[in-house]
Amino acid sequence: MDDDTKNHAKFLILYHLIFVCKYRKKLLIRYGDFVKFIFEEISAKSDFVFEEMEVDQDHIHCLVKSEPSVSPLAIVRRLK
């Protein structure tokens, strides 16, 4: 993971986000790859990048790299 630079600043911002299925249903066993594909498409159009993403039975772990101008709340809202 390399630092990003802009004008006079150097930064490396990583967020660990966890998305959980409602009532912890085991839906991601079937739809996990599709959800990963959708998340990748959304990040391609946005100001953040997924460094890593793992799908479990009922939740998804995401390591997201972004700029200082993008808040974690804005990232979560785009992905939801």
PDB file of N, CA and C in Angstrom:
ATOM      1  N   MET A   1       0.834  -1.162   0.000  1.00  0.00           N
ATOM      2  CA  MET A   1       0.000   0.000   0.000  1.00  0.00           C
ATOM      3  C   MET A   1       0.888   1.236   0.000  1.00  0.00           C
ATOM      4  N   ASP A   2       0.703   2.044  -0.992  1.00  0.00           N
ATOM      5  CA  ASP A   2       1.498   3.251  -1.112  1.00  0.00           C
ATOM      6  C   ASP A   2       0.694   4.456  -0.651  1.00  0.00           C
ATOM      7  N   ASP A   3       1.431   5.473  -0.209  1.00  0.00           N
ATOM      8  CA  ASP A   3       0.786   6.732   0.159  1.00  0.00           C
ATOM      9  C   ASP A   3       0.323   7.441  -1.104  1.00  0.00           C
ATOM     10  N   ASP A   4      -0.788   8.154  -0.981  1.00  0.00           N
ATOM     11  CA  ASP A   4      -1.269   8.994  -2.068  1.00  0.00           C
ATOM     12  C   ASP A   4      -0.803  10.417  -1.814  1.00  0.00           C
ATOM     13  N   THR A   5      -0.652  11.179  -2.885  1.00  0.00           N
ATOM     14  CA  THR A   5      -0.218  12.558  -2.729  1.00  0.00           C
ATOM     15  C   THR A   5      -1.140  13.481  -3.500  1.00  0.00           C
ATOM     16  N   LYS A   6      -1.316  14.657  -2.949  1.00  0.00           N
ATOM     17  CA  LYS A   6      -2.055  15.741  -3.597  1.00  0.00           C
ATOM     18  C   LYS A   6      -1.370  17.032  -3.203  1.00  0.00           C
ATOM     19  N   ASN A   7      -1.151  17.900  -4.140  1.00  0.00           N
ATOM     20  CA  ASN A   7      -0.525  19.201  -3.930  1.00  0.00           C
ATOM     21  C   ASN A   7       0.581  19.156  -2.875  1.00  0.00           C
ATOM     22  N   HIS A   8       0.264  19.472  -1.618  1.00  0.00           N
ATOM     23  CA  HIS A   8       1.282  19.533  -0.575  1.00  0.00           C
ATOM     24  C   HIS A   8       1.021  18.550   0.556  1.00  0.00           C
ATOM     25  N   ALA A   9       0.298  17.505   0.276  1.00  0.00           N
ATOM     26  CA  ALA A   9      -0.047  16.547   1.329  1.00  0.00           C
ATOM     27  C   ALA A   9       0.217  15.123   0.864  1.00  0.00           C
ATOM     28  N   LYS A  10       0.559  14.292   1.820  1.00  0.00           N
ATOM     29  CA  LYS A  10       0.762  12.875   1.575  1.00  0.00           C
ATOM     30  C   LYS A  10      -0.115  12.140   2.588  1.00  0.00           C
ATOM     31  N   PHE A  11      -0.889  11.144   2.133  1.00  0.00           N
ATOM     32  CA  PHE A  11      -1.828  10.503   3.040  1.00  0.00           C
ATOM     33  C   PHE A  11      -2.045   9.043   2.683  1.00  0.00           C
ATOM     34  N   LEU A  12      -2.443   8.289   3.683  1.00  0.00           N
ATOM     35  CA  LEU A  12      -2.840   6.891   3.536  1.00  0.00           C
ATOM     36  C   LEU A  12      -3.980   6.657   4.524  1.00  0.00           C
ATOM     37  N   ILE A  13      -5.196   6.614   4.022  1.00  0.00           N
ATOM     38  CA  ILE A  13      -6.373   6.443   4.869  1.00  0.00           C
ATOM     39  C   ILE A  13      -7.047   5.131   4.493  1.00  0.00           C
ATOM     40  N   LEU A  14      -7.140   4.242   5.470  1.00  0.00           N
ATOM     41  CA  LEU A  14      -7.785   2.945   5.277  1.00  0.00           C
ATOM     42  C   LEU A  14      -8.913   2.795   6.293  1.00  0.00           C
ATOM     43  N   TYR A  15     -10.051   2.316   5.830  1.00  0.00           N
ATOM     44  CA  TYR A  15     -11.189   2.053   6.702  1.00  0.00           C
ATOM     45  C   TYR A  15     -11.532   0.575   6.621  1.00  0.00           C
ATOM     46  N   HIS A  16     -11.816  -0.021   7.774  1.00  0.00           N
ATOM     47  CA  HIS A  16     -12.274  -1.402   7.818  1.00  0.00           C
ATOM     48  C   HIS A  16     -13.788  -1.360   8.019  1.00  0.00           C
ATOM     49  N   LEU A  17     -14.534  -1.717   6.982  1.00  0.00           N
ATOM     50  CA  LEU A  17     -15.993  -1.685   7.019  1.00  0.00           C
ATOM     51  C   LEU A  17     -16.535  -3.105   7.020  1.00  0.00           C
ATOM     52  N   ILE A  18     -17.581  -3.318   7.795  1.00  0.00           N
ATOM     53  CA  ILE A  18     -18.222  -4.631   7.848  1.00  0.00           C
ATOM     54  C   ILE A  18     -19.702  -4.434   7.556  1.00  0.00           C
ATOM     55  N   PHE A  19     -20.188  -5.102   6.522  1.00  0.00           N
ATOM     56  CA  PHE A  19     -21.605  -5.068   6.166  1.00  0.00           C
ATOM     57  C   PHE A  19     -22.226  -6.402   6.573  1.00  0.00           C
ATOM     58  N   VAL A  20     -23.319  -6.317   7.323  1.00  0.00           N
ATOM     59  CA  VAL A  20     -23.961  -7.512   7.862  1.00  0.00           C
ATOM     60  C   VAL A  20     -25.353  -7.643   7.255  1.00  0.00           C
ATOM     61  N   CYS A  21     -25.745  -8.884   6.918  1.00  0.00           N
ATOM     62  CA  CYS A  21     -27.096  -9.147   6.429  1.00  0.00           C
ATOM     63  C   CYS A  21     -28.088  -8.983   7.572  1.00  0.00           C
ATOM     64  N   LYS A  22     -29.286  -8.553   7.230  1.00  0.00           N
ATOM     65  CA  LYS A  22     -30.327  -8.373   8.241  1.00  0.00           C
ATOM     66  C   LYS A  22     -30.642  -9.710   8.900  1.00  0.00           C
ATOM     67  N   TYR A  23     -30.734  -9.706  10.212  1.00  0.00           N
ATOM     68  CA  TYR A  23     -31.009 -10.887  11.025  1.00  0.00           C
ATOM     69  C   TYR A  23     -29.954 -11.980  10.846  1.00  0.00           C
ATOM     70  N   ARG A  24     -28.779 -11.580  10.353  1.00  0.00           N
ATOM     71  CA  ARG A  24     -27.655 -12.519  10.157  1.00  0.00           C
ATOM     72  C   ARG A  24     -28.039 -13.740   9.318  1.00  0.00           C
ATOM     73  N   LYS A  25     -28.870 -13.519   8.305  1.00  0.00           N
ATOM     74  CA  LYS A  25     -29.236 -14.617   7.407  1.00  0.00           C
ATOM     75  C   LYS A  25     -28.029 -15.014   6.578  1.00  0.00           C
ATOM     76  N   LYS A  26     -27.939 -16.249   6.229  1.00  0.00           N
ATOM     77  CA  LYS A  26     -26.805 -16.797   5.480  1.00  0.00           C
ATOM     78  C   LYS A  26     -26.982 -16.595   3.974  1.00  0.00           C
ATOM     79  N   LEU A  27     -27.272 -15.368   3.543  1.00  0.00           N
ATOM     80  CA  LEU A  27     -27.550 -15.085   2.140  1.00  0.00           C
ATOM     81  C   LEU A  27     -26.287 -14.963   1.293  1.00  0.00           C
ATOM     82  N   LEU A  28     -25.185 -14.600   1.910  1.00  0.00           N
ATOM     83  CA  LEU A  28     -23.983 -14.351   1.114  1.00  0.00           C
ATOM     84  C   LEU A  28     -23.302 -15.619   0.637  1.00  0.00           C
ATOM     85  N   ILE A  29     -23.778 -16.765   1.083  1.00  0.00           N
ATOM     86  CA  ILE A  29     -23.256 -18.024   0.542  1.00  0.00           C
ATOM     87  C   ILE A  29     -23.580 -18.095  -0.946  1.00  0.00           C
ATOM     88  N   ARG A  30     -24.789 -17.660  -1.300  1.00  0.00           N
ATOM     89  CA  ARG A  30     -25.239 -17.686  -2.696  1.00  0.00           C
ATOM     90  C   ARG A  30     -24.857 -16.435  -3.464  1.00  0.00           C
ATOM     91  N   TYR A  31     -24.991 -15.269  -2.824  1.00  0.00           N
ATOM     92  CA  TYR A  31     -24.879 -13.998  -3.540  1.00  0.00           C
ATOM     93  C   TYR A  31     -23.591 -13.235  -3.261  1.00  0.00           C
ATOM     94  N   GLY A  32     -22.628 -13.827  -2.616  1.00  0.00           N
ATOM     95  CA  GLY A  32     -21.402 -13.140  -2.234  1.00  0.00           C
ATOM     96  C   GLY A  32     -20.602 -12.611  -3.413  1.00  0.00           C
ATOM     97  N   ASP A  33     -20.426 -13.410  -4.448  1.00  0.00           N
ATOM     98  CA  ASP A  33     -19.655 -12.966  -5.615  1.00  0.00           C
ATOM     99  C   ASP A  33     -20.364 -11.838  -6.350  1.00  0.00           C
ATOM    100  N   PHE A  34     -21.680 -11.881  -6.409  1.00  0.00           N
ATOM    101  CA  PHE A  34     -22.452 -10.830  -7.064  1.00  0.00           C
ATOM    102  C   PHE A  34     -22.325  -9.511  -6.292  1.00  0.00           C
ATOM    103  N   VAL A  35     -22.375  -9.572  -4.970  1.00  0.00           N
ATOM    104  CA  VAL A  35     -22.236  -8.379  -4.139  1.00  0.00           C
ATOM    105  C   VAL A  35     -20.842  -7.784  -4.298  1.00  0.00           C
ATOM    106  N   LYS A  36     -19.823  -8.625  -4.343  1.00  0.00           N
ATOM    107  CA  LYS A  36     -18.454  -8.139  -4.568  1.00  0.00           C
ATOM    108  C   LYS A  36     -18.340  -7.426  -5.909  1.00  0.00           C
ATOM    109  N   PHE A  37     -18.975  -7.971  -6.929  1.00  0.00           N
ATOM    110  CA  PHE A  37     -18.959  -7.365  -8.255  1.00  0.00           C
ATOM    111  C   PHE A  37     -19.621  -5.990  -8.236  1.00  0.00           C
ATOM    112  N   ILE A  38     -20.755  -5.882  -7.554  1.00  0.00           N
ATOM    113  CA  ILE A  38     -21.464  -4.603  -7.460  1.00  0.00           C
ATOM    114  C   ILE A  38     -20.625  -3.585  -6.694  1.00  0.00           C
ATOM    115  N   PHE A  39     -20.015  -4.000  -5.583  1.00  0.00           N
ATOM    116  CA  PHE A  39     -19.161  -3.095  -4.810  1.00  0.00           C
ATOM    117  C   PHE A  39     -17.998  -2.582  -5.655  1.00  0.00           C
ATOM    118  N   GLU A  40     -17.389  -3.448  -6.452  1.00  0.00           N
ATOM    119  CA  GLU A  40     -16.273  -3.036  -7.314  1.00  0.00           C
ATOM    120  C   GLU A  40     -16.732  -2.025  -8.365  1.00  0.00           C
ATOM    121  N   GLU A  41     -17.924  -2.212  -8.921  1.00  0.00           N
ATOM    122  CA  GLU A  41     -18.452  -1.260  -9.903  1.00  0.00           C
ATOM    123  C   GLU A  41     -18.714   0.105  -9.271  1.00  0.00           C
ATOM    124  N   ILE A  42     -19.249   0.106  -8.060  1.00  0.00           N
ATOM    125  CA  ILE A  42     -19.514   1.369  -7.364  1.00  0.00           C
ATOM    126  C   ILE A  42     -18.205   2.083  -7.059  1.00  0.00           C
ATOM    127  N   SER A  43     -17.190   1.350  -6.632  1.00  0.00           N
ATOM    128  CA  SER A  43     -15.912   2.000  -6.303  1.00  0.00           C
ATOM    129  C   SER A  43     -15.209   2.533  -7.548  1.00  0.00           C
ATOM    130  N   ALA A  44     -15.444   1.922  -8.694  1.00  0.00           N
ATOM    131  CA  ALA A  44     -14.832   2.421  -9.926  1.00  0.00           C
ATOM    132  C   ALA A  44     -15.375   3.797 -10.301  1.00  0.00           C
ATOM    133  N   LYS A  45     -16.617   4.087  -9.898  1.00  0.00           N
ATOM    134  CA  LYS A  45     -17.239   5.372 -10.206  1.00  0.00           C
ATOM    135  C   LYS A  45     -17.061   6.383  -9.072  1.00  0.00           C
ATOM    136  N   SER A  46     -16.415   5.991  -7.978  1.00  0.00           N
ATOM    137  CA  SER A  46     -16.319   6.840  -6.793  1.00  0.00           C
ATOM    138  C   SER A  46     -14.866   7.176  -6.476  1.00  0.00           C
ATOM    139  N   ASP A  47     -14.673   7.835  -5.315  1.00  0.00           N
ATOM    140  CA  ASP A  47     -13.351   8.295  -4.907  1.00  0.00           C
ATOM    141  C   ASP A  47     -12.660   7.341  -3.939  1.00  0.00           C
ATOM    142  N   PHE A  48     -13.000   6.078  -3.961  1.00  0.00           N
ATOM    143  CA  PHE A  48     -12.366   5.122  -3.062  1.00  0.00           C
ATOM    144  C   PHE A  48     -12.076   3.820  -3.797  1.00  0.00           C
ATOM    145  N   VAL A  49     -11.203   3.007  -3.201  1.00  0.00           N
ATOM    146  CA  VAL A  49     -10.765   1.752  -3.813  1.00  0.00           C
ATOM    147  C   VAL A  49     -10.782   0.674  -2.733  1.00  0.00           C
ATOM    148  N   PHE A  50     -11.156  -0.529  -3.104  1.00  0.00           N
ATOM    149  CA  PHE A  50     -11.101  -1.650  -2.179  1.00  0.00           C
ATOM    150  C   PHE A  50      -9.706  -2.254  -2.240  1.00  0.00           C
ATOM    151  N   GLU A  51      -9.017  -2.259  -1.108  1.00  0.00           N
ATOM    152  CA  GLU A  51      -7.718  -2.922  -1.028  1.00  0.00           C
ATOM    153  C   GLU A  51      -7.933  -4.427  -0.898  1.00  0.00           C
ATOM    154  N   GLU A  52      -8.876  -4.806  -0.029  1.00  0.00           N
ATOM    155  CA  GLU A  52      -9.231  -6.212   0.139  1.00  0.00           C
ATOM    156  C   GLU A  52     -10.706  -6.322   0.458  1.00  0.00           C
ATOM    157  N   MET A  53     -11.275  -7.469   0.105  1.00  0.00           N
ATOM    158  CA  MET A  53     -12.681  -7.721   0.401  1.00  0.00           C
ATOM    159  C   MET A  53     -12.865  -9.223   0.587  1.00  0.00           C
ATOM    160  N   GLU A  54     -13.446  -9.603   1.717  1.00  0.00           N
ATOM    161  CA  GLU A  54     -13.705 -11.007   2.017  1.00  0.00           C
ATOM    162  C   GLU A  54     -15.184 -11.192   2.323  1.00  0.00           C
ATOM    163  N   VAL A  55     -15.765 -12.241   1.767  1.00  0.00           N
ATOM    164  CA  VAL A  55     -17.180 -12.543   1.988  1.00  0.00           C
ATOM    165  C   VAL A  55     -17.281 -13.769   2.879  1.00  0.00           C
ATOM    166  N   ASP A  56     -18.041 -13.632   3.967  1.00  0.00           N
ATOM    167  CA  ASP A  56     -18.320 -14.748   4.853  1.00  0.00           C
ATOM    168  C   ASP A  56     -19.796 -15.138   4.662  1.00  0.00           C
ATOM    169  N   GLN A  57     -20.306 -16.024   5.472  1.00  0.00           N
ATOM    170  CA  GLN A  57     -21.679 -16.492   5.310  1.00  0.00           C
ATOM    171  C   GLN A  57     -22.700 -15.376   5.466  1.00  0.00           C
ATOM    172  N   ASP A  58     -22.497 -14.508   6.443  1.00  0.00           N
ATOM    173  CA  ASP A  58     -23.515 -13.503   6.734  1.00  0.00           C
ATOM    174  C   ASP A  58     -22.967 -12.081   6.845  1.00  0.00           C
ATOM    175  N   HIS A  59     -21.721 -11.848   6.445  1.00  0.00           N
ATOM    176  CA  HIS A  59     -21.173 -10.495   6.462  1.00  0.00           C
ATOM    177  C   HIS A  59     -20.011 -10.360   5.478  1.00  0.00           C
ATOM    178  N   ILE A  60     -19.681  -9.104   5.158  1.00  0.00           N
ATOM    179  CA  ILE A  60     -18.596  -8.806   4.227  1.00  0.00           C
ATOM    180  C   ILE A  60     -17.613  -7.877   4.927  1.00  0.00           C
ATOM    181  N   HIS A  61     -16.333  -8.220   4.895  1.00  0.00           N
ATOM    182  CA  HIS A  61     -15.272  -7.358   5.409  1.00  0.00           C
ATOM    183  C   HIS A  61     -14.648  -6.620   4.232  1.00  0.00           C
ATOM    184  N   CYS A  62     -14.532  -5.301   4.350  1.00  0.00           N
ATOM    185  CA  CYS A  62     -13.944  -4.485   3.299  1.00  0.00           C
ATOM    186  C   CYS A  62     -12.846  -3.608   3.888  1.00  0.00           C
ATOM    187  N   LEU A  63     -11.702  -3.583   3.246  1.00  0.00           N
ATOM    188  CA  LEU A  63     -10.644  -2.645   3.582  1.00  0.00           C
ATOM    189  C   LEU A  63     -10.627  -1.614   2.462  1.00  0.00           C
ATOM    190  N   VAL A  64     -11.046  -0.389   2.799  1.00  0.00           N
ATOM    191  CA  VAL A  64     -11.270   0.653   1.804  1.00  0.00           C
ATOM    192  C   VAL A  64     -10.213   1.734   1.942  1.00  0.00           C
ATOM    193  N   LYS A  65      -9.633   2.126   0.816  1.00  0.00           N
ATOM    194  CA  LYS A  65      -8.648   3.205   0.767  1.00  0.00           C
ATOM    195  C   LYS A  65      -9.314   4.408   0.110  1.00  0.00           C
ATOM    196  N   SER A  66      -9.222   5.580   0.783  1.00  0.00           N
ATOM    197  CA  SER A  66      -9.894   6.752   0.232  1.00  0.00           C
ATOM    198  C   SER A  66      -9.063   8.012   0.464  1.00  0.00           C
ATOM    199  N   GLU A  67      -9.620   9.110  -0.027  1.00  0.00           N
ATOM    200  CA  GLU A  67      -8.996  10.418   0.142  1.00  0.00           C
ATOM    201  C   GLU A  67      -9.522  11.060   1.421  1.00  0.00           C
ATOM    202  N   PRO A  68      -8.808  12.062   1.953  1.00  0.00           N
ATOM    203  CA  PRO A  68      -9.288  12.725   3.175  1.00  0.00           C
ATOM    204  C   PRO A  68     -10.615  13.447   2.994  1.00  0.00           C
ATOM    205  N   SER A  69     -10.949  13.831   1.790  1.00  0.00           N
ATOM    206  CA  SER A  69     -12.202  14.566   1.562  1.00  0.00           C
ATOM    207  C   SER A  69     -13.432  13.663   1.599  1.00  0.00           C
ATOM    208  N   VAL A  70     -13.243  12.355   1.548  1.00  0.00           N
ATOM    209  CA  VAL A  70     -14.365  11.407   1.548  1.00  0.00           C
ATOM    210  C   VAL A  70     -14.496  10.803   2.942  1.00  0.00           C
ATOM    211  N   SER A  71     -15.650  10.983   3.568  1.00  0.00           N
ATOM    212  CA  SER A  71     -15.862  10.450   4.918  1.00  0.00           C
ATOM    213  C   SER A  71     -16.287   8.983   4.850  1.00  0.00           C
ATOM    214  N   PRO A  72     -16.065   8.235   5.927  1.00  0.00           N
ATOM    215  CA  PRO A  72     -16.528   6.841   5.939  1.00  0.00           C
ATOM    216  C   PRO A  72     -18.043   6.745   5.788  1.00  0.00           C
ATOM    217  N   LEU A  73     -18.767   7.717   6.328  1.00  0.00           N
ATOM    218  CA  LEU A  73     -20.218   7.721   6.192  1.00  0.00           C
ATOM    219  C   LEU A  73     -20.637   7.854   4.728  1.00  0.00           C
ATOM    220  N   ALA A  74     -19.944   8.673   3.970  1.00  0.00           N
ATOM    221  CA  ALA A  74     -20.251   8.833   2.542  1.00  0.00           C
ATOM    222  C   ALA A  74     -19.984   7.529   1.779  1.00  0.00           C
ATOM    223  N   ILE A  75     -18.935   6.820   2.152  1.00  0.00           N
ATOM    224  CA  ILE A  75     -18.624   5.539   1.497  1.00  0.00           C
ATOM    225  C   ILE A  75     -19.720   4.523   1.781  1.00  0.00           C
ATOM    226  N   VAL A  76     -20.123   4.427   3.046  1.00  0.00           N
ATOM    227  CA  VAL A  76     -21.162   3.461   3.425  1.00  0.00           C
ATOM    228  C   VAL A  76     -22.477   3.790   2.734  1.00  0.00           C
ATOM    229  N   ARG A  77     -22.820   5.075   2.645  1.00  0.00           N
ATOM    230  CA  ARG A  77     -24.067   5.464   1.973  1.00  0.00           C
ATOM    231  C   ARG A  77     -24.049   5.091   0.497  1.00  0.00           C
ATOM    232  N   ARG A  78     -22.922   5.232  -0.157  1.00  0.00           N
ATOM    233  CA  ARG A  78     -22.846   4.852  -1.577  1.00  0.00           C
ATOM    234  C   ARG A  78     -22.982   3.357  -1.757  1.00  0.00           C
ATOM    235  N   LEU A  79     -22.388   2.598  -0.856  1.00  0.00           N
ATOM    236  CA  LEU A  79     -22.424   1.141  -0.994  1.00  0.00           C
ATOM    237  C   LEU A  79     -23.775   0.546  -0.609  1.00  0.00           C
ATOM    238  N   LYS A  80     -24.487   1.192   0.289  1.00  0.00           N
ATOM    239  CA  LYS A  80     -25.811   0.671   0.676  1.00  0.00           C
ATOM    240  C   LYS A  80     -26.796   0.911  -0.450  1.00  0.00           C
TER     241      LYS A  80
END
